[in-house]
Amino acid sequence: MTRRTDVEPSLLDRADAANIVDADVFISIHNNAMPEEKMPQIREYGTTVLYNSSAVRPAYDLAAITQDELVAALGTQREVMQDRPRLVVLNSTWVPAILTEA
């Protein structure tokens, strides 16, 4: 876990933390907040997982399992998984890495 308070380590610092401790996987969890007054305007709530197919250790299978579990647990709409090789946290880790958007 890289954040226990409202501070923001750099993206590279987050990836480096996983590399330094020799983590088994890297999972970046994004759960975006929405002001209550905008909620009625939103018709669909989706969950997607991003991965990097060109990573040293690609994590497509981890992404698929994670998306299945999140959609089931949250009751959200399943969005298409995304291959995002340019994201720092997905291309700078030496372990399988994914980023969730819920």
C-alpha atoms as a PDB file:
ATOM      1  CA  MET A   1       0.000   0.000   0.000  1.00  0.00           C
ATOM      2  CA  THR A   2       1.514   3.316  -1.035  1.00  0.00           C
ATOM      3  CA  ARG A   3      -1.056   5.700   0.472  1.00  0.00           C
ATOM      4  CA  ARG A   4      -2.332   5.646   4.020  1.00  0.00           C
ATOM      5  CA  THR A   5      -2.865   9.404   4.133  1.00  0.00           C
ATOM      6  CA  ASP A   6      -3.832  12.056   1.606  1.00  0.00           C
ATOM      7  CA  VAL A   7      -0.381  12.297   0.009  1.00  0.00           C
ATOM      8  CA  GLU A   8       0.509  11.388  -3.539  1.00  0.00           C
ATOM      9  CA  PRO A   9       3.795   9.607  -4.249  1.00  0.00           C
ATOM     10  CA  SER A  10       4.945   9.967  -7.843  1.00  0.00           C
ATOM     11  CA  LEU A  11       3.926   7.282 -10.309  1.00  0.00           C
ATOM     12  CA  LEU A  12       7.517   6.096 -10.612  1.00  0.00           C
ATOM     13  CA  ASP A  13       7.850   5.966  -6.803  1.00  0.00           C
ATOM     14  CA  ARG A  14       4.804   3.683  -6.702  1.00  0.00           C
ATOM     15  CA  ALA A  15       6.269   1.331  -9.298  1.00  0.00           C
ATOM     16  CA  ASP A  16       9.676   1.407  -7.616  1.00  0.00           C
ATOM     17  CA  ALA A  17       8.109   0.460  -4.271  1.00  0.00           C
ATOM     18  CA  ALA A  18       6.812  -2.770  -5.797  1.00  0.00           C
ATOM     19  CA  ASN A  19      10.188  -3.488  -7.365  1.00  0.00           C
ATOM     20  CA  ILE A  20      12.171  -2.776  -4.188  1.00  0.00           C
ATOM     21  CA  VAL A  21      10.103  -5.104  -1.993  1.00  0.00           C
ATOM     22  CA  ASP A  22      10.005  -7.776  -4.705  1.00  0.00           C
ATOM     23  CA  ALA A  23       6.196  -7.808  -4.697  1.00  0.00           C
ATOM     24  CA  ASP A  24       4.282 -10.680  -6.274  1.00  0.00           C
ATOM     25  CA  VAL A  25       1.917  -8.306  -8.122  1.00  0.00           C
ATOM     26  CA  PHE A  26       1.180  -4.581  -8.398  1.00  0.00           C
ATOM     27  CA  ILE A  27      -2.452  -3.482  -8.257  1.00  0.00           C
ATOM     28  CA  SER A  28      -3.376   0.189  -8.527  1.00  0.00           C
ATOM     29  CA  ILE A  29      -6.944   0.729  -7.328  1.00  0.00           C
ATOM     30  CA  HIS A  30      -8.870   3.753  -8.554  1.00  0.00           C
ATOM     31  CA  ASN A  31     -12.310   4.382  -7.134  1.00  0.00           C
ATOM     32  CA  ASN A  32     -13.308   7.803  -8.361  1.00  0.00           C
ATOM     33  CA  ALA A  33     -15.609  10.019  -6.315  1.00  0.00           C
ATOM     34  CA  MET A  34     -18.594  11.773  -7.853  1.00  0.00           C
ATOM     35  CA  PRO A  35     -20.449  14.751  -6.349  1.00  0.00           C
ATOM     36  CA  GLU A  36     -23.916  13.653  -5.257  1.00  0.00           C
ATOM     37  CA  GLU A  37     -25.641  16.333  -7.361  1.00  0.00           C
ATOM     38  CA  LYS A  38     -24.195  14.780 -10.546  1.00  0.00           C
ATOM     39  CA  MET A  39     -25.254  11.232  -9.716  1.00  0.00           C
ATOM     40  CA  PRO A  40     -28.732  11.400 -11.375  1.00  0.00           C
ATOM     41  CA  GLN A  41     -27.057  12.427 -14.642  1.00  0.00           C
ATOM     42  CA  ILE A  42     -24.896   9.302 -14.704  1.00  0.00           C
ATOM     43  CA  ARG A  43     -26.698   6.393 -16.322  1.00  0.00           C
ATOM     44  CA  GLU A  44     -24.023   3.721 -16.278  1.00  0.00           C
ATOM     45  CA  TYR A  45     -21.437   2.728 -13.737  1.00  0.00           C
ATOM     46  CA  GLY A  46     -18.652   0.635 -15.162  1.00  0.00           C
ATOM     47  CA  THR A  47     -15.568  -1.208 -14.061  1.00  0.00           C
ATOM     48  CA  THR A  48     -12.529  -1.733 -16.228  1.00  0.00           C
ATOM     49  CA  VAL A  49      -9.033  -3.002 -15.633  1.00  0.00           C
ATOM     50  CA  LEU A  50      -5.945  -1.793 -17.464  1.00  0.00           C
ATOM     51  CA  TYR A  51      -2.886  -3.943 -18.173  1.00  0.00           C
ATOM     52  CA  ASN A  52       0.263  -3.815 -20.314  1.00  0.00           C
ATOM     53  CA  SER A  53       0.603  -6.647 -22.831  1.00  0.00           C
ATOM     54  CA  SER A  54       4.209  -5.694 -23.618  1.00  0.00           C
ATOM     55  CA  ALA A  55       5.379  -5.687 -19.988  1.00  0.00           C
ATOM     56  CA  VAL A  56       8.219  -7.908 -18.821  1.00  0.00           C
ATOM     57  CA  ARG A  57       5.560  -9.951 -17.013  1.00  0.00           C
ATOM     58  CA  PRO A  58       2.188  -9.215 -18.682  1.00  0.00           C
ATOM     59  CA  ALA A  59      -0.855  -9.416 -16.420  1.00  0.00           C
ATOM     60  CA  TYR A  60      -3.806 -10.053 -18.739  1.00  0.00           C
ATOM     61  CA  ASP A  61      -5.005 -13.061 -16.725  1.00  0.00           C
ATOM     62  CA  LEU A  62      -4.741 -11.126 -13.441  1.00  0.00           C
ATOM     63  CA  ALA A  63      -6.669  -8.249 -15.052  1.00  0.00           C
ATOM     64  CA  ALA A  64      -9.453 -10.557 -16.265  1.00  0.00           C
ATOM     65  CA  ILE A  65      -9.860 -12.273 -12.884  1.00  0.00           C
ATOM     66  CA  THR A  66      -9.812  -8.945 -11.052  1.00  0.00           C
ATOM     67  CA  GLN A  67     -12.425  -7.457 -13.359  1.00  0.00           C
ATOM     68  CA  ASP A  68     -14.693 -10.490 -12.909  1.00  0.00           C
ATOM     69  CA  GLU A  69     -14.447 -10.217  -9.131  1.00  0.00           C
ATOM     70  CA  LEU A  70     -14.968  -6.430  -9.029  1.00  0.00           C
ATOM     71  CA  VAL A  71     -17.999  -6.519 -11.330  1.00  0.00           C
ATOM     72  CA  ALA A  72     -19.561  -9.313  -9.255  1.00  0.00           C
ATOM     73  CA  ALA A  73     -18.849  -7.628  -5.919  1.00  0.00           C
ATOM     74  CA  LEU A  74     -19.794  -4.066  -6.932  1.00  0.00           C
ATOM     75  CA  GLY A  75     -22.649  -4.809  -9.306  1.00  0.00           C
ATOM     76  CA  THR A  76     -21.170  -2.480 -11.910  1.00  0.00           C
ATOM     77  CA  GLN A  77     -21.287  -2.713 -15.675  1.00  0.00           C
ATOM     78  CA  ARG A  78     -18.383  -4.595 -17.245  1.00  0.00           C
ATOM     79  CA  GLU A  79     -16.335  -2.288 -19.448  1.00  0.00           C
ATOM     80  CA  VAL A  80     -13.774  -3.463 -22.003  1.00  0.00           C
ATOM     81  CA  MET A  81     -10.356  -4.152 -20.488  1.00  0.00           C
ATOM     82  CA  GLN A  82      -7.668  -1.833 -21.827  1.00  0.00           C
ATOM     83  CA  ASP A  83      -4.102  -2.550 -22.935  1.00  0.00           C
ATOM     84  CA  ARG A  84      -2.226   0.577 -21.799  1.00  0.00           C
ATOM     85  CA  PRO A  85       1.538   0.093 -22.251  1.00  0.00           C
ATOM     86  CA  ARG A  86       2.372   3.786 -21.759  1.00  0.00           C
ATOM     87  CA  LEU A  87       1.145   4.061 -18.165  1.00  0.00           C
ATOM     88  CA  VAL A  88       4.122   4.424 -15.829  1.00  0.00           C
ATOM     89  CA  VAL A  89       2.790   2.096 -13.154  1.00  0.00           C
ATOM     90  CA  LEU A  90       2.181  -0.594 -15.777  1.00  0.00           C
ATOM     91  CA  ASN A  91       5.457  -0.289 -17.662  1.00  0.00           C
ATOM     92  CA  SER A  92       7.905   0.386 -14.827  1.00  0.00           C
ATOM     93  CA  THR A  93       7.177  -2.577 -12.581  1.00  0.00           C
ATOM     94  CA  TRP A  94       9.035  -5.856 -12.821  1.00  0.00           C
ATOM     95  CA  VAL A  95       6.010  -7.786 -11.579  1.00  0.00           C
ATOM     96  CA  PRO A  96       2.587  -8.349 -13.152  1.00  0.00           C
ATOM     97  CA  ALA A  97       0.795  -4.992 -12.840  1.00  0.00           C
ATOM     98  CA  ILE A  98      -2.787  -3.847 -13.318  1.00  0.00           C
ATOM     99  CA  LEU A  99      -4.788  -0.681 -12.700  1.00  0.00           C
ATOM    100  CA  THR A 100      -8.478  -0.846 -11.803  1.00  0.00           C
ATOM    101  CA  GLU A 101     -11.073   1.834 -12.562  1.00  0.00           C
ATOM    102  CA  ALA A 102     -14.345   1.357 -10.692  1.00  0.00           C
END
